[in-house]
Protein backbone atom coordinates (compact mmCIF):
# COMPACT_ATOMS: atom_id res chain seq x y z
CA MET A 1 19.57 12.05 10.03
CA LYS A 2 19.34 8.53 11.13
CA ASN A 3 19.30 6.08 8.16
CA ALA A 4 15.31 4.19 7.86
CA LEU A 5 17.07 1.04 9.15
CA GLU A 6 17.64 3.34 12.34
CA ARG A 7 14.73 4.81 12.39
CA LEU A 8 12.53 1.97 11.38
CA PHE A 9 14.21 0.71 14.48
CA GLU A 10 13.86 3.93 17.32
CA LEU A 11 10.08 3.51 15.84
CA THR A 12 10.20 -0.32 16.08
CA GLY A 13 11.73 -0.16 19.89
CA GLN A 14 9.01 2.71 20.86
CA ILE A 15 6.18 0.33 19.80
CA ALA A 16 7.03 -2.12 21.99
CA ARG A 17 7.53 0.09 24.66
CA GLU A 18 4.20 1.68 24.75
CA GLY A 19 2.77 -2.21 23.78
CA VAL A 20 0.48 -0.96 20.88
CA SER A 21 1.27 -2.37 17.70
CA LEU A 22 0.32 -0.30 14.14
CA VAL A 23 -2.69 -1.92 13.30
CA PRO A 24 -4.69 -1.31 17.41
CA ARG A 25 -3.45 2.88 16.84
CA VAL A 26 -5.26 2.55 13.56
CA VAL A 27 -8.21 0.48 13.94
CA PRO A 28 -10.63 1.93 16.75
CA ALA A 29 -11.39 -0.58 19.32
CA ASP A 30 -14.85 0.47 20.81
CA ALA A 31 -16.24 -0.34 17.45
CA PRO A 32 -16.09 -3.06 15.74
CA PHE A 33 -13.62 -4.16 12.73
CA VAL A 34 -15.61 -3.98 9.39
CA GLN A 35 -14.32 -6.08 6.89
CA TYR A 36 -13.08 -3.86 3.51
CA GLN A 37 -13.84 -0.97 5.52
CA HIS A 38 -10.62 1.45 4.90
CA TYR A 39 -9.52 3.06 8.60
CA PRO A 40 -8.94 6.25 8.45
CA LYS A 41 -12.49 7.00 6.80
CA GLY A 42 -11.06 8.76 3.83
CA ASP A 43 -7.57 7.37 4.32
CA CYS A 44 -4.71 8.54 5.73
CA VAL A 45 -3.32 11.74 3.41
CA ALA A 46 0.02 13.57 4.14
CA PRO A 47 -0.27 17.40 3.47
CA THR A 48 2.43 18.15 1.98
CA SER A 49 3.88 15.22 -0.50
CA LYS A 50 0.50 14.14 -1.09
CA SER A 51 1.14 10.16 -0.41
CA ARG A 52 -1.41 8.20 1.04
CA TRP A 53 -2.20 5.02 3.12
CA PHE A 54 -5.68 3.04 4.30
CA TYR A 55 -5.43 -0.16 6.31
CA HIS A 56 -8.48 -2.63 5.62
CA ALA A 57 -9.23 -6.48 5.48
CA HIS A 58 -10.64 -8.98 3.49
CA LYS A 59 -13.03 -12.18 4.48
CA PRO A 60 -11.68 -14.39 6.30
CA GLU A 61 -10.59 -17.09 3.32
CA GLU A 62 -9.45 -13.91 1.42
CA ARG A 63 -6.44 -13.35 3.64
CA GLU A 64 -3.02 -14.55 3.55
CA GLU A 65 -2.69 -16.90 5.98
CA GLY A 66 -2.22 -15.73 9.93
CA GLU A 67 -3.29 -12.24 8.30
CA HIS A 68 -5.24 -9.64 10.18
CA GLY A 69 -4.94 -7.46 7.12
CA HIS A 70 -3.45 -4.71 5.42
CA PHE A 71 -1.47 -1.22 4.51
CA HIS A 72 -2.59 0.01 0.85
CA LEU A 73 -0.27 2.42 0.21
CA PHE A 74 0.34 4.81 -2.78
CA LEU A 75 2.33 8.11 -4.60
CA PRO A 76 -0.24 11.18 -5.79
CA LEU A 77 -1.63 11.08 -9.28
CA ALA A 78 0.46 14.26 -9.58
CA MET A 79 4.06 13.00 -8.98
CA PHE A 80 3.67 11.43 -12.74
CA ASP A 81 2.61 14.05 -14.90
CA GLY A 82 3.89 13.26 -18.48
CA VAL A 83 4.06 9.57 -17.40
CA GLU A 84 1.71 7.15 -19.52
CA PRO A 85 -0.04 4.84 -17.24
CA TYR A 86 -0.60 0.62 -18.15
CA TYR A 87 -4.58 1.63 -16.88
CA GLN A 88 -6.87 3.72 -15.51
CA PRO A 89 -10.05 4.50 -13.59
CA PRO A 90 -12.64 5.99 -15.10
CA ALA A 91 -14.23 9.49 -13.99
CA LYS A 92 -16.29 7.86 -11.09
CA LEU A 93 -15.84 3.69 -8.91
CA PRO A 94 -18.35 1.07 -9.29
CA ASN A 95 -20.00 2.61 -6.32
CA GLY A 96 -20.34 6.06 -7.67
CA LYS A 97 -17.27 7.91 -6.18
CA LYS A 98 -15.35 10.51 -7.78
CA THR A 99 -12.20 8.53 -8.73
CA GLN A 100 -8.96 9.74 -6.48
CA GLY A 101 -5.56 10.47 -8.95
CA VAL A 102 -3.49 8.18 -7.22
CA VAL A 103 -0.55 5.08 -7.81
CA HIS A 104 -0.46 1.81 -6.15
CA PHE A 105 3.13 0.91 -4.97
CA ALA A 106 2.77 -2.24 -3.05
CA ALA A 107 0.79 -3.00 0.00
CA LEU A 108 1.50 -4.64 3.39
CA SER A 109 0.05 -7.01 6.01
CA PHE A 110 0.10 -7.53 9.34
CA GLY A 111 -0.20 -10.68 11.48
CA LEU A 112 -2.79 -11.17 14.10
CA ASP A 113 -0.07 -10.73 16.27
CA GLY A 114 0.29 -7.14 15.31
CA LEU A 115 3.72 -8.32 13.34
CA PRO A 116 4.47 -7.08 9.75
CA ILE A 117 4.01 -10.34 7.62
CA SER A 118 4.80 -9.17 3.82
CA TRP A 119 5.07 -7.05 0.95
CA PHE A 120 2.67 -6.86 -1.81
CA THR A 121 1.71 -5.71 -5.32
CA THR A 122 -1.63 -5.64 -6.20
CA ASN A 123 -3.96 -5.55 -10.09
CA TYR A 124 -5.51 -2.90 -11.13
CA TRP A 125 -9.17 -3.60 -9.53
CA VAL A 126 -8.43 -4.42 -6.45
CA THR A 127 -7.38 -0.05 -5.62
CA TYR A 128 -8.87 1.10 -9.09
CA GLU A 129 -5.67 3.35 -9.11
CA TYR A 130 -3.23 4.53 -12.24
CA MET A 131 -1.20 1.89 -12.57
CA MET A 132 2.04 3.13 -13.41
CA PRO A 133 5.62 1.15 -14.80
CA ALA A 134 7.53 0.46 -12.18
CA GLU A 135 10.39 2.18 -14.11
CA ALA A 136 8.67 5.56 -13.13
CA ILE A 137 7.56 4.57 -9.49
CA ALA A 138 11.78 3.40 -8.80
CA SER A 139 12.10 7.25 -9.91
CA ARG A 140 9.90 8.68 -7.67
CA LEU A 141 8.89 6.56 -4.82
CA ARG A 142 11.66 8.19 -2.65
CA ASN A 143 9.49 10.53 -2.56
CA PHE A 144 7.13 9.01 -0.16
CA ASP A 145 6.74 11.01 2.84
CA MET A 146 3.74 10.47 5.44
CA SER A 147 5.19 13.49 7.88
CA GLY A 148 1.98 15.49 9.28
CA ALA A 149 -0.90 13.53 8.44
CA ARG A 150 -3.88 13.31 10.94
CA GLY A 151 -3.90 10.29 13.42
CA ASP A 152 -1.23 8.72 15.55
CA PRO A 153 2.20 9.68 13.73
CA LEU A 154 4.00 6.56 15.06
CA VAL A 155 1.69 4.83 12.47
CA SER A 156 2.81 7.24 9.23
CA ASP A 157 6.71 7.25 10.35
CA TRP A 158 6.58 3.57 10.87
CA LEU A 159 5.44 3.21 7.31
CA THR A 160 7.46 6.13 6.17
CA ALA A 161 11.08 3.87 7.08
CA ALA A 162 9.28 0.80 6.01
CA VAL A 163 8.79 2.13 2.78
CA GLN A 164 12.49 3.90 2.89
CA HIS A 165 13.91 1.19 3.80
CA PHE A 166 12.91 -1.24 1.69
CA HIS A 167 13.37 1.07 -1.38
CA ASP A 168 14.86 -1.61 -3.32
CA PRO A 169 12.59 -5.07 -2.92
CA ILE A 170 9.38 -2.72 -3.21
CA ILE A 171 10.74 -1.74 -6.86
CA GLU A 172 11.78 -5.35 -7.80
CA MET A 173 8.08 -6.73 -7.02
CA VAL A 174 6.55 -3.47 -8.94
CA THR A 175 9.48 -4.58 -11.98
CA GLU A 176 7.65 -8.28 -11.13
CA ARG A 177 3.64 -7.65 -11.34
CA ASP A 178 4.76 -5.60 -14.44
CA ARG A 179 6.36 -8.74 -15.99
CA ILE A 180 3.86 -11.21 -14.87
CA LEU A 181 1.32 -8.09 -15.97
CA MET A 182 2.63 -8.26 -19.82
CA ASP A 183 3.06 -11.89 -20.04
CA LYS A 184 -1.04 -11.66 -19.17
CA LYS A 185 -2.43 -9.35 -20.40
CA HIS A 186 -0.56 -11.48 -24.31
CA GLU A 187 -3.50 -14.24 -23.20
CA LEU A 188 -6.00 -11.91 -22.46
CA GLY A 189 -5.31 -8.65 -23.44
CA SER A 190 -6.43 -5.43 -21.75
CA ALA A 191 -9.45 -7.54 -19.64
CA VAL A 192 -6.43 -8.99 -17.61
CA PHE A 193 -6.27 -5.72 -15.76
CA GLU A 194 -10.29 -6.33 -13.87
CA ASN A 195 -10.33 -9.43 -14.30
CA LYS A 196 -10.89 -11.01 -10.27
CA LYS A 197 -8.77 -14.00 -11.32
CA VAL A 198 -5.48 -12.32 -11.15
CA GLU A 199 -5.60 -10.44 -7.69
CA ILE A 200 -2.13 -10.79 -5.61
CA LEU A 201 1.08 -9.82 -8.34
CA SER A 202 4.27 -10.78 -6.36
CA ARG A 203 5.01 -10.54 -2.99
CA GLN A 204 7.61 -10.62 -0.35
CA ALA A 205 8.87 -11.35 3.55
CA PHE A 206 9.65 -8.81 5.56
CA ASP A 207 12.54 -9.84 6.73
CA LEU A 208 14.93 -6.76 8.60
């Protein structure tokens, strides 16, 4: 069984040989790239673990320097049975759609060159998630597994290996997210979770 770093290098080598980075494997080349739209439509959900991801991009002025877009990564709410979230969404989202039972743990930005830039964490309002404490995420993150998901398997396999390899830095980021949120909650109360001025909470470079 290869370790996560070996697997990540193996998959990255395959990407290089094929000459197609992850983003074009997710965003159709024959259609306009629409800001904020989820790629793929309906998100990519693993049939067994129910782990999930989607890719999208904000307006250029809202992006990290040199960023094309980013993957948002989730664990299923079912993995957190009995854990009290910091904050949770209503039954229906502002757009009228049913709320998904998801726990966001990180996002991964990609540059215009198709290479990963950085991991980051976000506030509740960005993904309307069940916001779980860092210690609960830490004990479940190794269950993130996109095996068998629809679409190009190389994308989901690469994301799975990346999360496995960066397990500890991701937990450090989520812990920092919680610290910052709790500090701001002392100032703003529970309104902090829906405050549009509180968005990116922690970040780490994607550095192999």
